């Protein structure tokens, strides 16, 4: 087993302590306006795309009752065809899941379980996102970034807005923006240039002890004719068993054995 040298640990601890003590000067109204404009430009760009595909890596933080933070990592891919087609995959340490939506039915396949469920949901991808979140408590990966109008969905919730300048994600220079709502803190890194797409999205649960985070890193971004033709018809694998949605077992990013602590 490789260990971190003691002097390196001390340096890292000192750097974290220094960072924790730093404060940001008050953001001017001009900077806030710039941040809102950059966010709207991203939203407008996303809404204008009829076809989108990307890969992603996500980390869901959980905080134990002892205060230890643990990160659950997953990877996957999303292909979206507006207004009503979607294919999304997620592979993690506890589940291997594929979701296919054809405009009338959502099919959820637990590949590791060789079982699938189907939910009738007629409408758009926006309606699918709402139904999964509100009715089934199964949010889609990076769902906030898939809505047809991200700006109108999120900005009414913002209570604080900051433009933090530039950052680099996966070699892509980005605008780094931070927002607060009553329930969560949000950060987003938006690619510079003619395709202002999200490169990283971080949601911090500020009202939960330990402030756990959900982070999505986006890569291999494609739109329009660059999106490889996707098949949105679902064909279950040979031998797969059809079950009710609640019977699919561990298909979420938070597996069942990570039970919430009793109050």
Protein backbone atom coordinates (compact mmCIF):
# COMPACT_ATOMS: atom_id res chain seq x y z
CA UNK A 1 0.00 0.00 0.00
CA UNK A 2 1.31 3.43 -0.92
CA UNK A 3 1.11 6.13 1.74
CA UNK A 4 1.12 9.89 1.36
CA UNK A 5 4.31 11.37 2.90
CA UNK A 6 3.69 13.23 6.15
CA UNK A 7 5.11 16.49 4.79
CA UNK A 8 2.76 16.29 1.79
CA UNK A 9 -0.21 15.79 4.09
CA UNK A 10 0.80 18.81 6.14
CA UNK A 11 1.15 20.94 3.03
CA UNK A 12 -2.28 19.85 1.77
CA UNK A 13 -3.83 20.56 5.18
CA UNK A 14 -2.24 23.99 5.28
CA UNK A 15 -3.50 24.77 1.78
CA UNK A 16 -7.03 23.72 2.71
CA UNK A 17 -6.90 25.82 5.86
CA UNK A 18 -5.76 28.82 3.85
CA UNK A 19 -8.49 28.29 1.27
CA UNK A 20 -11.10 28.01 4.00
CA UNK A 21 -9.99 31.36 5.37
CA UNK A 22 -10.23 33.19 2.07
CA UNK A 23 -13.14 35.45 1.35
CA UNK A 24 -14.53 36.72 -1.92
CA UNK A 25 -14.89 40.43 -2.37
CA UNK A 26 -18.44 41.59 -3.04
CA UNK A 27 -19.51 40.79 -6.58
CA UNK A 28 -20.59 43.88 -8.47
CA UNK A 29 -23.96 44.13 -10.17
CA UNK A 30 -22.07 44.10 -13.49
CA UNK A 31 -20.46 40.75 -12.60
CA UNK A 32 -23.84 39.35 -11.58
CA UNK A 33 -25.34 40.53 -14.85
CA UNK A 34 -22.46 38.92 -16.76
CA UNK A 35 -23.02 35.64 -14.93
CA UNK A 36 -26.73 35.69 -15.71
CA UNK A 37 -26.02 36.49 -19.36
CA UNK A 38 -23.50 33.65 -19.64
CA UNK A 39 -25.96 31.22 -18.06
CA UNK A 40 -28.75 32.34 -20.40
CA UNK A 41 -26.44 32.02 -23.42
CA UNK A 42 -25.75 28.41 -22.41
CA UNK A 43 -29.49 27.78 -21.95
CA UNK A 44 -30.31 29.29 -25.35
CA UNK A 45 -27.58 27.22 -27.01
CA UNK A 46 -28.85 24.00 -25.42
CA UNK A 47 -32.46 24.76 -26.36
CA UNK A 48 -31.46 25.33 -29.99
CA UNK A 49 -29.96 21.83 -30.33
CA UNK A 50 -32.29 19.18 -31.67
CA UNK A 51 -29.78 16.39 -31.00
CA UNK A 52 -27.22 16.17 -28.19
CA UNK A 53 -24.92 13.43 -26.97
CA UNK A 54 -22.25 13.38 -24.28
CA UNK A 55 -20.39 11.14 -21.88
CA UNK A 56 -20.27 11.89 -18.19
CA UNK A 57 -18.57 10.95 -14.94
CA UNK A 58 -20.49 11.60 -11.74
CA UNK A 59 -19.69 11.51 -8.05
CA UNK A 60 -22.39 11.38 -5.40
CA UNK A 61 -21.11 12.30 -1.95
CA UNK A 62 -22.66 10.83 1.16
CA UNK A 63 -21.83 11.88 4.71
CA UNK A 64 -21.88 9.27 7.46
CA UNK A 65 -23.30 10.01 10.91
CA UNK A 66 -19.66 10.17 12.05
CA UNK A 67 -19.09 13.03 9.60
CA UNK A 68 -17.00 11.07 7.07
CA UNK A 69 -17.54 11.96 3.41
CA UNK A 70 -17.71 9.08 0.93
CA UNK A 71 -17.91 9.42 -2.85
CA UNK A 72 -19.85 7.01 -5.07
CA UNK A 73 -18.57 7.21 -8.64
CA UNK A 74 -20.41 6.35 -11.87
CA UNK A 75 -19.95 6.89 -15.60
CA UNK A 76 -22.36 6.90 -18.48
CA UNK A 77 -23.60 8.43 -21.69
CA UNK A 78 -26.66 10.41 -22.76
CA UNK A 79 -28.22 10.84 -26.21
CA UNK A 80 -31.12 13.26 -26.52
CA UNK A 81 -33.32 13.99 -29.53
CA UNK A 82 -35.79 16.77 -28.88
CA UNK A 83 -38.59 16.85 -28.08
CA UNK A 84 -39.29 13.31 -26.91
CA UNK A 85 -36.44 10.81 -27.35
CA UNK A 86 -33.74 9.86 -24.86
CA UNK A 87 -31.25 7.10 -24.17
CA UNK A 88 -29.11 7.22 -21.02
CA UNK A 89 -26.73 4.76 -19.39
CA UNK A 90 -25.05 4.71 -15.99
CA UNK A 91 -22.47 2.20 -14.77
CA UNK A 92 -21.22 2.29 -11.20
CA UNK A 93 -19.97 -0.01 -8.49
CA UNK A 94 -23.47 -1.17 -7.59
CA UNK A 95 -25.55 -0.94 -10.76
CA UNK A 96 -25.44 -1.05 -14.55
CA UNK A 97 -28.54 0.72 -15.88
CA UNK A 98 -29.91 1.79 -19.25
CA UNK A 99 -32.96 4.00 -19.79
CA UNK A 100 -34.69 4.36 -23.15
CA UNK A 101 -37.55 6.78 -23.81
CA UNK A 102 -39.44 6.75 -27.12
CA UNK A 103 -42.00 9.47 -26.39
CA UNK A 104 -44.64 7.16 -24.93
CA UNK A 105 -42.83 4.63 -22.73
CA UNK A 106 -39.76 4.72 -20.51
CA UNK A 107 -37.94 1.40 -20.36
CA UNK A 108 -35.43 0.86 -17.52
CA UNK A 109 -33.04 -2.07 -17.84
CA UNK A 110 -30.98 -3.31 -14.91
CA UNK A 111 -28.26 -5.05 -16.89
CA UNK A 112 -26.65 -6.57 -13.82
CA UNK A 113 -30.07 -7.86 -12.74
CA UNK A 114 -31.18 -9.03 -16.20
CA UNK A 115 -34.52 -7.40 -15.43
CA UNK A 116 -36.43 -4.44 -16.81
CA UNK A 117 -39.43 -2.27 -16.07
CA UNK A 118 -41.56 -0.04 -18.27
CA UNK A 119 -43.44 3.12 -17.33
CA UNK A 120 -46.02 4.78 -19.58
CA UNK A 121 -45.05 8.46 -19.87
CA UNK A 122 -46.42 10.26 -22.92
CA UNK A 123 -44.96 13.66 -23.68
CA UNK A 124 -41.62 15.42 -23.91
CA UNK A 125 -38.27 14.80 -22.25
CA UNK A 126 -39.11 17.70 -19.91
CA UNK A 127 -42.26 15.89 -18.78
CA UNK A 128 -40.30 12.67 -18.38
CA UNK A 129 -37.76 14.42 -16.13
CA UNK A 130 -40.54 15.81 -13.94
CA UNK A 131 -42.38 12.48 -13.72
CA UNK A 132 -39.28 10.50 -12.77
CA UNK A 133 -38.25 13.04 -10.14
CA UNK A 134 -41.64 13.76 -8.58
CA UNK A 135 -43.50 10.45 -8.94
CA UNK A 136 -40.79 7.80 -8.90
CA UNK A 137 -37.92 9.62 -7.09
CA UNK A 138 -35.53 8.53 -9.82
CA UNK A 139 -33.89 11.66 -11.26
CA UNK A 140 -32.15 11.35 -14.60
CA UNK A 141 -28.38 11.96 -14.64
CA UNK A 142 -27.64 15.67 -15.20
CA UNK A 143 -31.39 16.26 -15.51
CA UNK A 144 -31.09 20.01 -14.95
CA UNK A 145 -28.98 20.23 -18.11
CA UNK A 146 -31.46 18.33 -20.28
CA UNK A 147 -34.45 20.65 -19.88
CA UNK A 148 -35.55 22.62 -22.93
CA UNK A 149 -35.18 25.92 -21.08
CA UNK A 150 -32.62 25.64 -18.29
CA UNK A 151 -32.64 29.39 -17.72
CA UNK A 152 -36.38 29.63 -17.00
CA UNK A 153 -36.27 26.50 -14.85
CA UNK A 154 -33.42 27.53 -12.54
CA UNK A 155 -32.85 31.30 -12.48
CA UNK A 156 -36.10 32.13 -10.59
CA UNK A 157 -34.62 30.07 -7.72
CA UNK A 158 -31.32 31.99 -7.52
CA UNK A 159 -30.79 34.10 -4.42
CA UNK A 160 -27.11 34.88 -5.10
CA UNK A 161 -25.13 34.94 -8.35
CA UNK A 162 -21.35 35.09 -8.86
CA UNK A 163 -19.03 35.14 -11.88
CA UNK A 164 -15.82 33.47 -10.64
CA UNK A 165 -13.82 33.99 -13.84
CA UNK A 166 -12.25 31.18 -15.84
CA UNK A 167 -11.43 27.55 -15.14
CA UNK A 168 -10.27 24.59 -17.20
CA UNK A 169 -12.17 21.28 -17.25
CA UNK A 170 -10.82 18.40 -19.30
CA UNK A 171 -8.57 20.80 -21.20
CA UNK A 172 -11.50 23.08 -22.12
CA UNK A 173 -11.40 26.70 -20.93
CA UNK A 174 -14.67 27.59 -19.23
CA UNK A 175 -16.54 30.38 -17.50
CA UNK A 176 -17.00 29.46 -13.84
CA UNK A 177 -20.30 30.58 -12.31
CA UNK A 178 -21.76 30.04 -8.84
CA UNK A 179 -25.36 30.35 -7.71
CA UNK A 180 -27.21 29.91 -4.45
CA UNK A 181 -30.83 28.90 -3.88
CA UNK A 182 -32.72 28.42 -0.64
CA UNK A 183 -31.89 24.71 -0.64
CA UNK A 184 -28.66 24.17 -2.59
CA UNK A 185 -25.53 25.83 -3.92
CA UNK A 186 -24.76 25.37 -7.62
CA UNK A 187 -21.58 25.74 -9.62
CA UNK A 188 -21.26 25.37 -13.36
CA UNK A 189 -18.33 25.59 -15.76
CA UNK A 190 -19.44 26.61 -19.29
CA UNK A 191 -17.20 26.13 -22.32
CA UNK A 192 -15.94 29.23 -24.08
CA UNK A 193 -16.70 29.74 -27.77
CA UNK A 194 -19.61 29.10 -30.11
CA UNK A 195 -20.76 25.98 -28.25
CA UNK A 196 -21.25 27.13 -24.63
CA UNK A 197 -22.07 23.74 -23.19
CA UNK A 198 -21.72 22.64 -19.55
CA UNK A 199 -18.41 20.95 -18.74
CA UNK A 200 -18.93 20.50 -15.00
CA UNK A 201 -21.98 20.88 -12.79
CA UNK A 202 -21.84 20.72 -9.00
CA UNK A 203 -24.81 20.69 -6.62
CA UNK A 204 -24.04 21.16 -2.92
CA UNK A 205 -26.74 20.38 -0.35
CA UNK A 206 -26.16 23.33 1.95
CA UNK A 207 -29.01 22.40 4.32
CA UNK A 208 -27.68 18.89 5.03
CA UNK A 209 -24.99 18.31 7.65
CA UNK A 210 -21.60 17.96 5.99
CA UNK A 211 -22.82 19.66 2.79
CA UNK A 212 -22.59 16.62 0.48
CA UNK A 213 -22.14 17.30 -3.23
CA UNK A 214 -23.21 15.81 -6.53
CA UNK A 215 -20.73 16.44 -9.35
CA UNK A 216 -21.15 15.74 -13.07
CA UNK A 217 -18.22 16.10 -15.48
CA UNK A 218 -19.26 16.21 -19.14
CA UNK A 219 -17.03 15.08 -22.03
CA UNK A 220 -17.24 14.10 -25.70
CA UNK A 221 -19.91 16.76 -26.30
CA UNK A 222 -21.65 16.47 -29.70
CA UNK A 223 -24.63 18.12 -31.36
CA UNK A 224 -26.54 18.05 -34.64
CA UNK A 225 -25.14 15.87 -37.39
CA UNK A 226 -22.16 14.90 -35.21
CA UNK A 227 -24.50 12.86 -32.99
CA UNK A 228 -24.38 9.25 -34.03
CA UNK A 229 -27.85 8.02 -34.96
CA UNK A 230 -29.42 6.50 -31.86
CA UNK A 231 -32.02 3.77 -31.70
CA UNK A 232 -34.75 4.76 -29.25
CA UNK A 233 -36.63 1.48 -29.56
CA UNK A 234 -36.23 -0.82 -26.56
CA UNK A 235 -35.65 -4.54 -27.06
CA UNK A 236 -35.12 -6.48 -23.82
CA UNK A 237 -32.17 -8.88 -23.73
CA UNK A 238 -32.89 -12.55 -24.11
CA UNK A 239 -34.07 -14.01 -20.84
CA UNK A 240 -34.60 -10.63 -19.14
CA UNK A 241 -37.49 -10.62 -16.69
CA UNK A 242 -40.11 -7.85 -16.75
CA UNK A 243 -40.87 -6.50 -13.28
CA UNK A 244 -42.62 -3.56 -11.66
CA UNK A 245 -40.49 -0.38 -11.39
CA UNK A 246 -40.15 -0.76 -7.62
CA UNK A 247 -38.81 -4.30 -8.00
CA UNK A 248 -35.64 -3.44 -9.92
CA UNK A 249 -33.59 -3.28 -6.75
CA UNK A 250 -30.28 -1.39 -6.71
CA UNK A 251 -30.36 0.75 -9.83
CA UNK A 252 -29.80 4.13 -8.17
CA UNK A 253 -26.51 5.90 -7.54
CA UNK A 254 -27.18 5.47 -3.81
CA UNK A 255 -27.51 1.73 -3.13
CA UNK A 256 -29.93 0.43 -0.56
CA UNK A 257 -27.29 -0.51 2.02
CA UNK A 258 -26.44 3.20 2.36
CA UNK A 259 -29.48 3.70 4.57
CA UNK A 260 -30.27 7.14 6.00
CA UNK A 261 -29.33 7.40 9.66
CA UNK A 262 -32.18 7.38 12.15
CA UNK A 263 -32.88 10.73 13.82
